[in-house]
Amino acid sequence: MLNKYDEQLEMQMIAERLKEAISKSGIKKTDIATACGVSDQAVTGWLKTGRVHKKHVPKLAALTGVSTDWLLTGKESTKLSLSTTLSYDLLEDNAELVGASNEPILHSDEAMLLRLFREMTDEQRADILKNASDTHETNERLLAQLLARKKA
């Protein structure tokens, strides 16, 4: 068990990592508040104190593109961890995370895809991007052929 000083230091480190994750992701505090179902003031409080209810941590990680492990401990696991997997289980199927303007930030499957992509090696990322690009080009070609037939 942590003493009061160590607990306070740990909470401050969580606050710093949360600030960093939000800054790097470019997401707005109001969008985080909306997605987590809390007030803007609650998010501001998290950033000051690092005291975030555990039910919000997986969603914060998904929104900012970091792992729950990193957010809580500062350590990044090299493998997909149970806590990372659970963070996506908590996002409802077919749910959209929406910002203050009601525009989608990320659909739950997009958040999962982004998280998994970020955990891949550079070589794996290149393979995924090439496959996606090839699939997109094939779809575009097939659509053009279909439209050409329809005009004829």
Protein backbone atom coordinates (compact mmCIF):
# COMPACT_ATOMS: atom_id res chain seq x y z
CA MET A 1 0.00 0.00 0.00
CA LEU A 2 1.25 3.47 -0.90
CA ASN A 3 1.81 6.11 1.72
CA LYS A 4 0.02 9.44 1.29
CA TYR A 5 3.03 11.14 -0.34
CA ASP A 6 3.55 8.31 -2.86
CA GLU A 7 -0.16 8.20 -3.67
CA GLN A 8 -0.19 11.95 -4.30
CA LEU A 9 2.89 11.65 -6.53
CA GLU A 10 1.29 8.78 -8.46
CA MET A 11 -1.91 10.79 -9.02
CA GLN A 12 0.15 13.75 -10.27
CA MET A 13 1.96 11.47 -12.74
CA ILE A 14 -1.40 10.18 -14.03
CA ALA A 15 -2.51 13.80 -14.49
CA GLU A 16 0.67 14.56 -16.46
CA ARG A 17 0.26 11.49 -18.70
CA LEU A 18 -3.39 12.36 -19.30
CA LYS A 19 -2.42 15.92 -20.29
CA GLU A 20 0.22 14.54 -22.65
CA ALA A 21 -2.18 12.02 -24.21
CA ILE A 22 -4.84 14.68 -24.77
CA SER A 23 -2.32 17.11 -26.20
CA LYS A 24 -0.86 14.57 -28.63
CA SER A 25 -4.25 13.25 -29.72
CA GLY A 26 -5.65 16.71 -30.40
CA ILE A 27 -8.98 15.82 -28.83
CA LYS A 28 -10.82 18.62 -27.04
CA LYS A 29 -11.66 18.48 -23.35
CA THR A 30 -15.31 19.11 -24.19
CA ASP A 31 -15.31 16.06 -26.48
CA ILE A 32 -13.79 13.94 -23.72
CA ALA A 33 -16.41 15.19 -21.26
CA THR A 34 -19.22 14.37 -23.68
CA ALA A 35 -17.86 10.90 -24.48
CA CYS A 36 -17.39 10.08 -20.78
CA GLY A 37 -20.71 11.59 -19.73
CA VAL A 38 -19.16 14.11 -17.34
CA SER A 39 -18.85 17.87 -17.16
CA ASP A 40 -15.99 19.89 -18.61
CA GLN A 41 -15.11 20.77 -15.01
CA ALA A 42 -14.70 17.07 -14.18
CA VAL A 43 -12.16 16.68 -16.99
CA THR A 44 -10.34 19.80 -15.79
CA GLY A 45 -10.27 18.23 -12.32
CA TRP A 46 -8.77 15.02 -13.72
CA LEU A 47 -6.04 17.03 -15.40
CA LYS A 48 -5.23 18.82 -12.14
CA THR A 49 -5.44 15.93 -9.70
CA GLY A 50 -5.10 12.72 -11.73
CA ARG A 51 -8.04 11.32 -9.79
CA VAL A 52 -10.09 9.64 -12.52
CA HIS A 53 -12.75 7.06 -11.69
CA LYS A 54 -11.66 3.67 -13.00
CA LYS A 55 -14.74 3.37 -15.22
CA HIS A 56 -13.48 6.31 -17.31
CA VAL A 57 -9.89 5.12 -17.82
CA PRO A 58 -10.56 2.69 -20.72
CA LYS A 59 -12.59 5.29 -22.62
CA LEU A 60 -9.90 7.95 -22.01
CA ALA A 61 -7.28 5.55 -23.35
CA ALA A 62 -9.37 4.77 -26.44
CA LEU A 63 -10.12 8.44 -27.09
CA THR A 64 -6.49 9.51 -26.83
CA GLY A 65 -4.92 6.46 -28.49
CA VAL A 66 -2.83 5.29 -25.54
CA SER A 67 -3.02 2.10 -23.54
CA THR A 68 -4.67 1.97 -20.17
CA ASP A 69 -1.40 0.55 -18.86
CA TRP A 70 0.52 3.61 -19.99
CA LEU A 71 -2.10 6.01 -18.70
CA LEU A 72 -2.07 4.44 -15.23
CA THR A 73 1.57 3.39 -14.86
CA GLY A 74 3.60 5.11 -17.54
CA LYS A 75 4.76 1.72 -18.78
CA GLU A 76 3.85 0.52 -22.26
CA SER A 77 3.36 -3.19 -22.72
CA THR A 78 4.78 -4.72 -25.88
CA LYS A 79 1.86 -7.08 -26.34
CA LEU A 80 -1.84 -6.39 -26.49
CA SER A 81 -2.77 -6.52 -22.83
CA LEU A 82 -5.98 -7.64 -21.19
CA SER A 83 -6.62 -4.07 -20.04
CA THR A 84 -6.31 -2.82 -23.62
CA THR A 85 -8.75 -5.47 -24.80
CA LEU A 86 -11.17 -4.62 -22.02
CA SER A 87 -11.09 -0.95 -22.94
CA TYR A 88 -12.71 -1.81 -26.25
CA ASP A 89 -15.19 -4.19 -24.68
CA LEU A 90 -16.48 -1.24 -22.68
CA LEU A 91 -17.28 0.68 -25.83
CA GLU A 92 -20.69 -0.52 -26.91
CA ASP A 93 -21.02 -2.25 -30.26
CA ASN A 94 -21.89 0.21 -32.99
CA ALA A 95 -21.60 3.12 -30.54
CA GLU A 96 -20.11 6.36 -31.70
CA LEU A 97 -18.05 8.63 -29.52
CA VAL A 98 -19.34 12.09 -30.27
CA GLY A 99 -17.96 15.49 -29.47
CA ALA A 100 -19.64 18.66 -28.31
CA SER A 101 -20.76 19.38 -31.90
CA ASN A 102 -22.34 15.89 -32.08
CA GLU A 103 -19.88 14.94 -34.82
CA PRO A 104 -18.38 11.46 -34.47
CA ILE A 105 -14.88 11.36 -33.01
CA LEU A 106 -14.31 7.64 -33.43
CA HIS A 107 -16.64 4.70 -33.85
CA SER A 108 -15.75 1.89 -31.42
CA ASP A 109 -14.32 -0.31 -34.19
CA GLU A 110 -12.22 2.62 -35.45
CA ALA A 111 -10.84 3.16 -31.96
CA MET A 112 -9.93 -0.51 -31.73
CA LEU A 113 -8.32 -0.48 -35.17
CA LEU A 114 -6.27 2.59 -34.30
CA ARG A 115 -5.16 1.11 -30.99
CA LEU A 116 -4.12 -2.18 -32.58
CA PHE A 117 -2.34 -0.35 -35.41
CA ARG A 118 -0.33 1.71 -32.94
CA GLU A 119 0.87 -1.45 -31.22
CA MET A 120 2.26 -2.94 -34.46
CA THR A 121 5.82 -2.81 -35.69
CA ASP A 122 6.68 -0.44 -38.55
CA GLU A 123 6.83 -3.41 -40.93
CA GLN A 124 3.39 -4.64 -39.86
CA ARG A 125 1.99 -1.13 -40.26
CA ALA A 126 3.42 -0.88 -43.79
CA ASP A 127 1.83 -4.23 -44.71
CA ILE A 128 -1.56 -3.15 -43.36
CA LEU A 129 -1.40 0.17 -45.23
CA LYS A 130 -0.40 -1.53 -48.47
CA ASN A 131 -3.24 -4.05 -48.18
CA ALA A 132 -5.75 -1.30 -47.39
CA SER A 133 -4.49 0.79 -50.31
CA ASP A 134 -4.66 -2.17 -52.69
CA THR A 135 -8.20 -2.96 -51.54
CA HIS A 136 -9.23 0.67 -51.98
CA GLU A 137 -7.79 0.78 -55.51
CA THR A 138 -9.58 -2.47 -56.41
CA ASN A 139 -12.87 -1.09 -55.09
CA GLU A 140 -12.41 2.15 -57.03
CA ARG A 141 -11.65 0.21 -60.24
CA LEU A 142 -14.67 -2.06 -59.79
CA LEU A 143 -16.92 0.92 -59.11
CA ALA A 144 -15.66 2.68 -62.24
CA GLN A 145 -16.34 -0.47 -64.30
CA LEU A 146 -19.83 -0.79 -62.84
CA LEU A 147 -20.63 2.84 -63.57
CA ALA A 148 -19.28 2.49 -67.12
CA ARG A 149 -21.52 -0.55 -67.73
CA LYS A 150 -24.50 1.28 -66.32
CA LYS A 151 -23.96 4.20 -68.72
CA ALA A 152 -23.62 1.85 -71.70
